[in-house]
Amino acid sequence: MWLKGLLAVAVAVVGSWLLCRIQNDMAKERRRLQTLLTTYYTPDELRGVGLTEKEISELRAGERYPWQRGWEFFVPLMAVLVVGAILVLLAL
């Protein structure tokens, strides 16, 4: 029984590590795109491609709070992983 529990914990740890790597890669790309948009495009050009004032201000706000980006994706994934590990442990 303890071997199955250890296996479930190992799977949860490896899954968490993989999710963290994926999230890190996504965050790097998002920062790169954020830098590209704010460096190379003026607000007039952004309006010209169809962004509204609200979307432009949200884009600029991302520069001030970069640590917030991605949490809306990361937290639910980690919650699913933890709940899945608990369900596997209970099923054993």
N, C-alpha and C. Protein backbone atom coordinates (compact mmCIF):
# COMPACT_ATOMS: atom_id res chain seq x y z
N MET A 1 0.83 -1.21 0.00
CA MET A 1 0.00 0.00 0.00
C MET A 1 0.86 1.26 0.00
N TRP A 2 1.93 1.28 0.80
CA TRP A 2 2.76 2.47 0.88
C TRP A 2 3.49 2.73 -0.43
N LEU A 3 3.77 1.64 -1.18
CA LEU A 3 4.45 1.81 -2.47
C LEU A 3 3.55 2.53 -3.48
N LYS A 4 2.26 2.20 -3.45
CA LYS A 4 1.31 2.88 -4.35
C LYS A 4 1.19 4.35 -3.96
N GLY A 5 1.15 4.63 -2.67
CA GLY A 5 1.08 6.01 -2.20
C GLY A 5 2.32 6.79 -2.60
N LEU A 6 3.47 6.16 -2.48
CA LEU A 6 4.72 6.79 -2.89
C LEU A 6 4.72 7.08 -4.39
N LEU A 7 4.20 6.13 -5.16
CA LEU A 7 4.10 6.33 -6.60
C LEU A 7 3.16 7.50 -6.93
N ALA A 8 2.05 7.59 -6.24
CA ALA A 8 1.11 8.70 -6.47
C ALA A 8 1.76 10.04 -6.14
N VAL A 9 2.51 10.09 -5.05
CA VAL A 9 3.20 11.33 -4.68
C VAL A 9 4.27 11.67 -5.71
N ALA A 10 5.00 10.66 -6.18
CA ALA A 10 6.04 10.89 -7.19
C ALA A 10 5.43 11.44 -8.48
N VAL A 11 4.30 10.88 -8.88
CA VAL A 11 3.62 11.37 -10.08
C VAL A 11 3.17 12.82 -9.88
N ALA A 12 2.67 13.15 -8.69
CA ALA A 12 2.24 14.52 -8.41
C ALA A 12 3.42 15.49 -8.44
N VAL A 13 4.56 15.07 -7.91
CA VAL A 13 5.74 15.93 -7.90
C VAL A 13 6.25 16.15 -9.32
N VAL A 14 6.34 15.08 -10.10
CA VAL A 14 6.80 15.22 -11.49
C VAL A 14 5.81 16.07 -12.30
N GLY A 15 4.52 15.83 -12.09
CA GLY A 15 3.51 16.64 -12.78
C GLY A 15 3.60 18.10 -12.41
N SER A 16 3.84 18.38 -11.13
CA SER A 16 4.00 19.78 -10.69
C SER A 16 5.21 20.41 -11.34
N TRP A 17 6.29 19.68 -11.40
CA TRP A 17 7.50 20.19 -12.01
C TRP A 17 7.27 20.51 -13.49
N LEU A 18 6.59 19.60 -14.19
CA LEU A 18 6.30 19.83 -15.61
C LEU A 18 5.39 21.04 -15.79
N LEU A 19 4.38 21.18 -14.96
CA LEU A 19 3.49 22.34 -15.06
C LEU A 19 4.25 23.64 -14.80
N CYS A 20 5.15 23.62 -13.84
CA CYS A 20 5.95 24.82 -13.56
C CYS A 20 6.84 25.18 -14.74
N ARG A 21 7.41 24.18 -15.39
CA ARG A 21 8.24 24.45 -16.58
C ARG A 21 7.40 25.04 -17.70
N ILE A 22 6.23 24.47 -17.93
CA ILE A 22 5.36 24.98 -18.98
C ILE A 22 4.96 26.42 -18.68
N GLN A 23 4.57 26.67 -17.43
CA GLN A 23 4.16 28.01 -17.04
C GLN A 23 5.31 29.00 -17.19
N ASN A 24 6.52 28.58 -16.83
CA ASN A 24 7.69 29.44 -16.96
C ASN A 24 7.94 29.79 -18.43
N ASP A 25 7.86 28.81 -19.31
CA ASP A 25 8.05 29.06 -20.74
C ASP A 25 6.98 30.01 -21.28
N MET A 26 5.75 29.81 -20.86
CA MET A 26 4.67 30.69 -21.32
C MET A 26 4.87 32.11 -20.81
N ALA A 27 5.32 32.25 -19.56
CA ALA A 27 5.55 33.58 -18.99
C ALA A 27 6.68 34.30 -19.73
N LYS A 28 7.73 33.57 -20.09
CA LYS A 28 8.84 34.18 -20.84
C LYS A 28 8.35 34.72 -22.18
N GLU A 29 7.56 33.91 -22.87
CA GLU A 29 7.05 34.34 -24.16
C GLU A 29 6.11 35.54 -24.03
N ARG A 30 5.29 35.53 -22.99
CA ARG A 30 4.37 36.65 -22.76
C ARG A 30 5.14 37.93 -22.49
N ARG A 31 6.21 37.83 -21.68
CA ARG A 31 7.04 39.01 -21.42
C ARG A 31 7.70 39.51 -22.70
N ARG A 32 8.14 38.58 -23.56
CA ARG A 32 8.75 38.97 -24.82
C ARG A 32 7.75 39.71 -25.70
N LEU A 33 6.53 39.19 -25.80
CA LEU A 33 5.49 39.85 -26.58
C LEU A 33 5.10 41.20 -25.98
N GLN A 34 5.04 41.25 -24.66
CA GLN A 34 4.71 42.51 -23.97
C GLN A 34 5.75 43.57 -24.29
N THR A 35 7.02 43.18 -24.23
CA THR A 35 8.10 44.12 -24.54
C THR A 35 8.02 44.56 -26.00
N LEU A 36 7.75 43.64 -26.88
CA LEU A 36 7.65 43.96 -28.30
C LEU A 36 6.53 44.98 -28.54
N LEU A 37 5.36 44.71 -27.97
CA LEU A 37 4.22 45.60 -28.20
C LEU A 37 4.45 46.99 -27.63
N THR A 38 5.02 47.06 -26.44
CA THR A 38 5.19 48.37 -25.81
C THR A 38 6.40 49.13 -26.34
N THR A 39 7.37 48.43 -26.89
CA THR A 39 8.57 49.10 -27.39
C THR A 39 8.39 49.61 -28.81
N TYR A 40 7.79 48.79 -29.65
CA TYR A 40 7.77 49.12 -31.08
C TYR A 40 6.49 49.79 -31.57
N TYR A 41 5.45 49.81 -30.76
CA TYR A 41 4.18 50.37 -31.23
C TYR A 41 3.74 51.51 -30.33
N THR A 42 3.37 52.61 -30.94
CA THR A 42 2.82 53.74 -30.20
C THR A 42 1.32 53.50 -29.98
N PRO A 43 0.71 54.21 -29.06
CA PRO A 43 -0.73 54.05 -28.87
C PRO A 43 -1.54 54.33 -30.15
N ASP A 44 -1.08 55.26 -30.97
CA ASP A 44 -1.78 55.55 -32.23
C ASP A 44 -1.73 54.34 -33.17
N GLU A 45 -0.59 53.68 -33.22
CA GLU A 45 -0.48 52.49 -34.08
C GLU A 45 -1.34 51.35 -33.54
N LEU A 46 -1.39 51.22 -32.23
CA LEU A 46 -2.24 50.18 -31.63
C LEU A 46 -3.71 50.46 -31.92
N ARG A 47 -4.10 51.73 -31.87
CA ARG A 47 -5.47 52.08 -32.24
C ARG A 47 -5.72 51.76 -33.71
N GLY A 48 -4.70 51.96 -34.53
CA GLY A 48 -4.82 51.71 -35.96
C GLY A 48 -5.06 50.24 -36.30
N VAL A 49 -4.60 49.33 -35.45
CA VAL A 49 -4.83 47.90 -35.71
C VAL A 49 -6.10 47.41 -35.02
N GLY A 50 -6.83 48.34 -34.39
CA GLY A 50 -8.14 47.97 -33.87
C GLY A 50 -8.25 47.82 -32.38
N LEU A 51 -7.20 48.15 -31.64
CA LEU A 51 -7.31 48.06 -30.18
C LEU A 51 -8.07 49.27 -29.65
N THR A 52 -8.89 49.03 -28.65
CA THR A 52 -9.63 50.12 -28.02
C THR A 52 -8.74 50.77 -26.96
N GLU A 53 -9.20 51.91 -26.44
CA GLU A 53 -8.44 52.59 -25.38
C GLU A 53 -8.29 51.69 -24.15
N LYS A 54 -9.36 50.95 -23.84
CA LYS A 54 -9.31 50.06 -22.69
C LYS A 54 -8.26 48.97 -22.89
N GLU A 55 -8.21 48.39 -24.08
CA GLU A 55 -7.23 47.34 -24.36
C GLU A 55 -5.80 47.89 -24.34
N ILE A 56 -5.63 49.10 -24.83
CA ILE A 56 -4.30 49.72 -24.80
C ILE A 56 -3.87 49.99 -23.37
N SER A 57 -4.79 50.48 -22.54
CA SER A 57 -4.44 50.75 -21.14
C SER A 57 -4.15 49.44 -20.39
N GLU A 58 -4.88 48.37 -20.72
CA GLU A 58 -4.59 47.07 -20.10
C GLU A 58 -3.23 46.56 -20.54
N LEU A 59 -2.90 46.79 -21.79
CA LEU A 59 -1.59 46.39 -22.31
C LEU A 59 -0.49 47.14 -21.58
N ARG A 60 -0.68 48.43 -21.40
CA ARG A 60 0.33 49.23 -20.68
C ARG A 60 0.36 48.87 -19.20
N ALA A 61 -0.77 48.50 -18.62
CA ALA A 61 -0.80 48.12 -17.20
C ALA A 61 -0.01 46.84 -16.97
N GLY A 62 0.07 45.98 -17.97
CA GLY A 62 0.86 44.76 -17.84
C GLY A 62 2.32 45.02 -17.59
N GLU A 63 2.81 46.21 -17.99
CA GLU A 63 4.20 46.57 -17.72
C GLU A 63 4.43 46.81 -16.23
N ARG A 64 3.40 47.32 -15.55
CA ARG A 64 3.56 47.64 -14.13
C ARG A 64 3.42 46.42 -13.24
N TYR A 65 2.62 45.44 -13.65
CA TYR A 65 2.37 44.28 -12.80
C TYR A 65 2.65 42.98 -13.56
N PRO A 66 3.91 42.74 -13.98
CA PRO A 66 4.17 41.54 -14.77
C PRO A 66 4.02 40.25 -13.97
N TRP A 67 4.16 40.31 -12.66
CA TRP A 67 4.07 39.10 -11.83
C TRP A 67 2.65 38.56 -11.78
N GLN A 68 1.65 39.38 -12.12
CA GLN A 68 0.27 38.91 -12.08
C GLN A 68 -0.08 38.06 -13.29
N ARG A 69 0.62 38.27 -14.39
CA ARG A 69 0.29 37.53 -15.61
C ARG A 69 0.59 36.05 -15.42
N GLY A 70 -0.34 35.23 -15.83
CA GLY A 70 -0.12 33.79 -15.79
C GLY A 70 -0.70 33.10 -14.58
N TRP A 71 -0.94 33.82 -13.48
CA TRP A 71 -1.48 33.17 -12.29
C TRP A 71 -2.87 32.61 -12.55
N GLU A 72 -3.66 33.26 -13.41
CA GLU A 72 -5.01 32.76 -13.69
C GLU A 72 -4.96 31.42 -14.41
N PHE A 73 -3.82 31.07 -14.98
CA PHE A 73 -3.64 29.78 -15.64
C PHE A 73 -2.97 28.78 -14.70
N PHE A 74 -1.98 29.25 -13.95
CA PHE A 74 -1.18 28.37 -13.12
C PHE A 74 -1.94 27.82 -11.91
N VAL A 75 -2.67 28.66 -11.23
CA VAL A 75 -3.36 28.23 -10.00
C VAL A 75 -4.40 27.13 -10.28
N PRO A 76 -5.27 27.28 -11.29
CA PRO A 76 -6.21 26.18 -11.55
C PRO A 76 -5.52 24.88 -11.97
N LEU A 77 -4.43 24.97 -12.71
CA LEU A 77 -3.72 23.75 -13.09
C LEU A 77 -3.14 23.04 -11.88
N MET A 78 -2.56 23.80 -10.98
CA MET A 78 -2.01 23.19 -9.77
C MET A 78 -3.13 22.61 -8.91
N ALA A 79 -4.27 23.28 -8.85
CA ALA A 79 -5.40 22.76 -8.07
C ALA A 79 -5.89 21.45 -8.66
N VAL A 80 -5.97 21.37 -9.98
CA VAL A 80 -6.39 20.13 -10.63
C VAL A 80 -5.40 19.02 -10.32
N LEU A 81 -4.11 19.34 -10.35
CA LEU A 81 -3.10 18.33 -10.06
C LEU A 81 -3.19 17.83 -8.61
N VAL A 82 -3.37 18.73 -7.68
CA VAL A 82 -3.47 18.34 -6.27
C VAL A 82 -4.73 17.51 -6.03
N VAL A 83 -5.85 17.94 -6.58
CA VAL A 83 -7.10 17.18 -6.43
C VAL A 83 -6.96 15.81 -7.08
N GLY A 84 -6.30 15.75 -8.23
CA GLY A 84 -6.07 14.46 -8.90
C GLY A 84 -5.22 13.54 -8.05
N ALA A 85 -4.17 14.09 -7.45
CA ALA A 85 -3.31 13.27 -6.58
C ALA A 85 -4.09 12.75 -5.37
N ILE A 86 -4.93 13.60 -4.80
CA ILE A 86 -5.75 13.17 -3.66
C ILE A 86 -6.71 12.06 -4.09
N LEU A 87 -7.35 12.22 -5.24
CA LEU A 87 -8.26 11.19 -5.72
C LEU A 87 -7.55 9.87 -6.00
N VAL A 88 -6.33 9.95 -6.53
CA VAL A 88 -5.56 8.72 -6.77
C VAL A 88 -5.23 8.06 -5.44
N LEU A 89 -4.81 8.84 -4.45
CA LEU A 89 -4.51 8.27 -3.14
C LEU A 89 -5.74 7.63 -2.51
N LEU A 90 -6.89 8.27 -2.66
CA LEU A 90 -8.12 7.72 -2.09
C LEU A 90 -8.57 6.46 -2.84
N ALA A 91 -8.27 6.40 -4.13
CA ALA A 91 -8.67 5.23 -4.93
C ALA A 91 -7.79 4.02 -4.61
N LEU A 92 -6.60 4.27 -4.11
CA LEU A 92 -5.71 3.15 -3.78
C LEU A 92 -6.20 2.54 -2.51
